[in-house]
Amino acid sequence: MAEPAVHPRCKRCSRDDRSPRRIDSFDRITLADDPADPNCGHFYLETVYVMQCPDCDHRQEWVSKRTPYVSLREAQKEMDAHLLGKG
C-alpha cells in the first residue's frame, strides 16, 4: 500500500518541518455514531496508520481511509476478504 499523500502533524510537539513516519498499519471496524455524520448508524471499515514523530517519538493514529457499510456483517466480510487476499 502506498504512503499517504498528506501526513498529520504531531499532536504533542506540533512541528511542521519533518513529517511523522509510518511505523505500522491495521484495519478496524467502527460504528458511525455521530448524528452529524450522513452514515450515522452504519459501520466503517477504516485503514489506520500508526505514525511516529521523528522529533519527540510521540505515536498517534491517523485514519487514512474510511469505507461505510450498512451492516456489521458486510464490514466484517470485506475485512476478512481483504485479510485473506480475496478483495
N, C-alpha and C. Protein backbone atom coordinates (compact mmCIF):
# COMPACT_ATOMS: atom_id res chain seq x y z
N MET A 1 0.84 -1.17 0.00
CA MET A 1 0.00 0.00 0.00
C MET A 1 0.89 1.24 0.00
N ALA A 2 0.55 2.23 -0.75
CA ALA A 2 1.36 3.44 -0.88
C ALA A 2 1.27 4.31 0.36
N GLU A 3 2.31 5.10 0.57
CA GLU A 3 2.31 6.05 1.68
C GLU A 3 1.20 7.07 1.46
N PRO A 4 0.56 7.54 2.52
CA PRO A 4 -0.47 8.55 2.37
C PRO A 4 0.13 9.84 1.83
N ALA A 5 -0.65 10.56 1.03
CA ALA A 5 -0.16 11.77 0.37
C ALA A 5 0.06 12.91 1.36
N VAL A 6 -0.77 13.03 2.36
CA VAL A 6 -0.67 14.12 3.32
C VAL A 6 -0.51 13.51 4.71
N HIS A 7 0.52 13.95 5.43
CA HIS A 7 0.77 13.43 6.77
C HIS A 7 0.24 14.41 7.81
N PRO A 8 -0.23 13.87 8.92
CA PRO A 8 -0.66 14.76 10.00
C PRO A 8 0.55 15.34 10.72
N ARG A 9 0.33 16.41 11.43
CA ARG A 9 1.40 16.95 12.26
C ARG A 9 1.31 16.32 13.64
N CYS A 10 2.41 16.33 14.35
CA CYS A 10 2.45 15.74 15.67
C CYS A 10 1.55 16.53 16.62
N LYS A 11 0.73 15.83 17.38
CA LYS A 11 -0.17 16.49 18.33
C LYS A 11 0.55 16.91 19.60
N ARG A 12 1.73 16.35 19.84
CA ARG A 12 2.46 16.70 21.05
C ARG A 12 3.36 17.93 20.81
N CYS A 13 4.23 17.87 19.81
CA CYS A 13 5.18 18.97 19.62
C CYS A 13 4.76 19.93 18.50
N SER A 14 3.81 19.56 17.66
CA SER A 14 3.24 20.40 16.60
C SER A 14 4.26 20.94 15.61
N ARG A 15 5.34 20.22 15.39
CA ARG A 15 6.35 20.67 14.43
C ARG A 15 5.92 20.31 13.02
N ASP A 16 6.15 21.22 12.09
CA ASP A 16 5.79 21.01 10.69
C ASP A 16 6.99 20.73 9.80
N ASP A 17 8.20 20.90 10.30
CA ASP A 17 9.37 20.80 9.44
C ASP A 17 9.67 19.37 8.99
N ARG A 18 9.32 18.36 9.79
CA ARG A 18 9.52 16.96 9.40
C ARG A 18 8.22 16.20 9.61
N SER A 19 7.86 15.41 8.62
CA SER A 19 6.62 14.63 8.69
C SER A 19 6.80 13.41 9.57
N PRO A 20 5.77 13.05 10.32
CA PRO A 20 5.82 11.78 11.07
C PRO A 20 5.96 10.61 10.11
N ARG A 21 6.61 9.57 10.54
CA ARG A 21 6.80 8.40 9.67
C ARG A 21 5.84 7.29 10.10
N ARG A 22 5.44 6.51 9.09
CA ARG A 22 4.52 5.40 9.34
C ARG A 22 5.32 4.23 9.89
N ILE A 23 4.88 3.71 11.04
CA ILE A 23 5.58 2.57 11.63
C ILE A 23 4.73 1.31 11.66
N ASP A 24 3.42 1.45 11.46
CA ASP A 24 2.54 0.29 11.47
C ASP A 24 1.22 0.68 10.83
N SER A 25 0.42 -0.31 10.48
CA SER A 25 -0.92 -0.06 9.95
C SER A 25 -1.82 -1.24 10.31
N PHE A 26 -3.11 -0.97 10.37
CA PHE A 26 -4.07 -2.02 10.65
C PHE A 26 -5.44 -1.58 10.15
N ASP A 27 -6.34 -2.52 10.04
CA ASP A 27 -7.73 -2.25 9.67
C ASP A 27 -8.60 -2.49 10.89
N ARG A 28 -9.67 -1.68 10.99
CA ARG A 28 -10.62 -1.88 12.09
C ARG A 28 -12.01 -1.48 11.62
N ILE A 29 -12.99 -1.96 12.36
CA ILE A 29 -14.38 -1.64 12.08
C ILE A 29 -14.89 -0.76 13.22
N THR A 30 -15.51 0.36 12.86
CA THR A 30 -16.07 1.27 13.86
C THR A 30 -17.51 1.60 13.50
N LEU A 31 -18.28 1.95 14.50
CA LEU A 31 -19.66 2.36 14.31
C LEU A 31 -19.71 3.87 14.15
N ALA A 32 -20.40 4.34 13.13
CA ALA A 32 -20.60 5.78 12.95
C ALA A 32 -21.75 6.20 13.86
N ASP A 33 -21.39 6.83 14.99
CA ASP A 33 -22.42 7.19 15.96
C ASP A 33 -22.60 8.70 16.11
N ASP A 34 -21.98 9.49 15.25
CA ASP A 34 -22.13 10.94 15.28
C ASP A 34 -23.38 11.32 14.48
N PRO A 35 -24.37 11.98 15.11
CA PRO A 35 -25.59 12.36 14.38
C PRO A 35 -25.34 13.27 13.18
N ALA A 36 -24.23 13.99 13.16
CA ALA A 36 -23.91 14.86 12.04
C ALA A 36 -23.34 14.08 10.84
N ASP A 37 -22.94 12.85 11.07
CA ASP A 37 -22.38 12.01 10.00
C ASP A 37 -23.52 11.50 9.13
N PRO A 38 -23.43 11.66 7.80
CA PRO A 38 -24.51 11.15 6.94
C PRO A 38 -24.64 9.63 6.98
N ASN A 39 -23.61 8.93 7.44
CA ASN A 39 -23.64 7.47 7.55
C ASN A 39 -23.89 7.02 8.98
N CYS A 40 -24.50 7.85 9.79
CA CYS A 40 -24.76 7.52 11.19
C CYS A 40 -25.56 6.22 11.28
N GLY A 41 -25.10 5.31 12.12
CA GLY A 41 -25.74 4.01 12.27
C GLY A 41 -25.12 2.94 11.40
N HIS A 42 -24.29 3.34 10.46
CA HIS A 42 -23.59 2.37 9.61
C HIS A 42 -22.24 2.05 10.23
N PHE A 43 -21.53 1.14 9.63
CA PHE A 43 -20.22 0.72 10.11
C PHE A 43 -19.15 1.13 9.11
N TYR A 44 -18.02 1.59 9.62
CA TYR A 44 -16.90 1.97 8.77
C TYR A 44 -15.81 0.91 8.85
N LEU A 45 -15.27 0.56 7.71
CA LEU A 45 -14.03 -0.21 7.66
C LEU A 45 -12.94 0.83 7.45
N GLU A 46 -12.05 0.97 8.44
CA GLU A 46 -11.03 2.01 8.41
C GLU A 46 -9.65 1.40 8.24
N THR A 47 -8.84 2.07 7.44
CA THR A 47 -7.42 1.75 7.35
C THR A 47 -6.71 2.79 8.19
N VAL A 48 -5.99 2.33 9.21
CA VAL A 48 -5.36 3.22 10.18
C VAL A 48 -3.85 3.06 10.12
N TYR A 49 -3.15 4.18 10.07
CA TYR A 49 -1.69 4.19 10.15
C TYR A 49 -1.28 4.65 11.53
N VAL A 50 -0.27 3.99 12.10
CA VAL A 50 0.34 4.45 13.34
C VAL A 50 1.56 5.25 12.91
N MET A 51 1.54 6.53 13.26
CA MET A 51 2.59 7.46 12.86
C MET A 51 3.45 7.80 14.08
N GLN A 52 4.77 7.97 13.85
CA GLN A 52 5.68 8.34 14.93
C GLN A 52 6.43 9.60 14.54
N CYS A 53 6.43 10.57 15.43
CA CYS A 53 7.12 11.84 15.21
C CYS A 53 8.64 11.59 15.32
N PRO A 54 9.43 12.03 14.34
CA PRO A 54 10.87 11.83 14.41
C PRO A 54 11.55 12.73 15.44
N ASP A 55 10.86 13.77 15.90
CA ASP A 55 11.45 14.71 16.86
C ASP A 55 11.22 14.30 18.31
N CYS A 56 9.97 13.96 18.65
CA CYS A 56 9.66 13.66 20.05
C CYS A 56 9.26 12.20 20.28
N ASP A 57 9.23 11.38 19.23
CA ASP A 57 8.87 9.95 19.28
C ASP A 57 7.43 9.68 19.72
N HIS A 58 6.57 10.69 19.68
CA HIS A 58 5.15 10.51 20.00
C HIS A 58 4.49 9.66 18.91
N ARG A 59 3.68 8.70 19.32
CA ARG A 59 2.94 7.87 18.38
C ARG A 59 1.48 8.26 18.40
N GLN A 60 0.88 8.28 17.20
CA GLN A 60 -0.53 8.61 17.09
C GLN A 60 -1.13 7.89 15.89
N GLU A 61 -2.45 7.69 15.95
CA GLU A 61 -3.14 7.03 14.85
C GLU A 61 -3.60 8.06 13.84
N TRP A 62 -3.61 7.67 12.57
CA TRP A 62 -4.11 8.51 11.50
C TRP A 62 -4.98 7.65 10.60
N VAL A 63 -6.27 7.98 10.51
CA VAL A 63 -7.20 7.23 9.67
C VAL A 63 -6.99 7.67 8.22
N SER A 64 -6.55 6.73 7.40
CA SER A 64 -6.24 7.03 6.01
C SER A 64 -7.45 6.86 5.10
N LYS A 65 -8.26 5.85 5.38
CA LYS A 65 -9.38 5.52 4.50
C LYS A 65 -10.55 5.02 5.34
N ARG A 66 -11.76 5.48 5.00
CA ARG A 66 -12.98 5.02 5.67
C ARG A 66 -14.00 4.64 4.61
N THR A 67 -14.47 3.40 4.69
CA THR A 67 -15.47 2.92 3.75
C THR A 67 -16.70 2.51 4.54
N PRO A 68 -17.87 3.13 4.26
CA PRO A 68 -19.08 2.79 5.03
C PRO A 68 -19.76 1.52 4.52
N TYR A 69 -20.33 0.77 5.46
CA TYR A 69 -21.13 -0.42 5.17
C TYR A 69 -22.39 -0.35 6.01
N VAL A 70 -23.49 -0.84 5.45
CA VAL A 70 -24.79 -0.77 6.12
C VAL A 70 -24.84 -1.67 7.34
N SER A 71 -24.24 -2.86 7.24
CA SER A 71 -24.31 -3.80 8.36
C SER A 71 -22.92 -4.21 8.82
N LEU A 72 -22.85 -4.66 10.05
CA LEU A 72 -21.59 -5.15 10.61
C LEU A 72 -21.12 -6.38 9.84
N ARG A 73 -22.04 -7.23 9.44
CA ARG A 73 -21.70 -8.44 8.70
C ARG A 73 -21.00 -8.09 7.37
N GLU A 74 -21.51 -7.08 6.66
CA GLU A 74 -20.88 -6.66 5.40
C GLU A 74 -19.46 -6.15 5.65
N ALA A 75 -19.29 -5.35 6.68
CA ALA A 75 -17.97 -4.79 7.00
C ALA A 75 -16.99 -5.92 7.37
N GLN A 76 -17.46 -6.88 8.17
CA GLN A 76 -16.61 -8.00 8.56
C GLN A 76 -16.23 -8.85 7.36
N LYS A 77 -17.19 -9.08 6.47
CA LYS A 77 -16.93 -9.87 5.27
C LYS A 77 -15.87 -9.19 4.41
N GLU A 78 -15.98 -7.88 4.24
CA GLU A 78 -15.00 -7.14 3.43
C GLU A 78 -13.63 -7.14 4.10
N MET A 79 -13.61 -7.00 5.42
CA MET A 79 -12.34 -7.02 6.14
C MET A 79 -11.67 -8.39 6.04
N ASP A 80 -12.46 -9.45 6.20
CA ASP A 80 -11.92 -10.80 6.07
C ASP A 80 -11.41 -11.07 4.65
N ALA A 81 -12.14 -10.60 3.64
CA ALA A 81 -11.71 -10.78 2.25
C ALA A 81 -10.39 -10.05 2.02
N HIS A 82 -10.27 -8.87 2.57
CA HIS A 82 -9.04 -8.10 2.44
C HIS A 82 -7.87 -8.82 3.11
N LEU A 83 -8.11 -9.34 4.30
CA LEU A 83 -7.04 -10.03 5.03
C LEU A 83 -6.63 -11.34 4.37
N LEU A 84 -7.60 -12.01 3.72
CA LEU A 84 -7.31 -13.29 3.07
C LEU A 84 -6.84 -13.12 1.63
N GLY A 85 -6.78 -11.88 1.15
CA GLY A 85 -6.31 -11.62 -0.20
C GLY A 85 -7.35 -11.82 -1.27
N LYS A 86 -8.63 -11.80 -0.89
CA LYS A 86 -9.71 -12.01 -1.85
C LYS A 86 -10.37 -10.70 -2.27
N GLY A 87 -9.88 -9.59 -1.74
CA GLY A 87 -10.53 -8.30 -2.02
C GLY A 87 -9.74 -7.38 -2.87
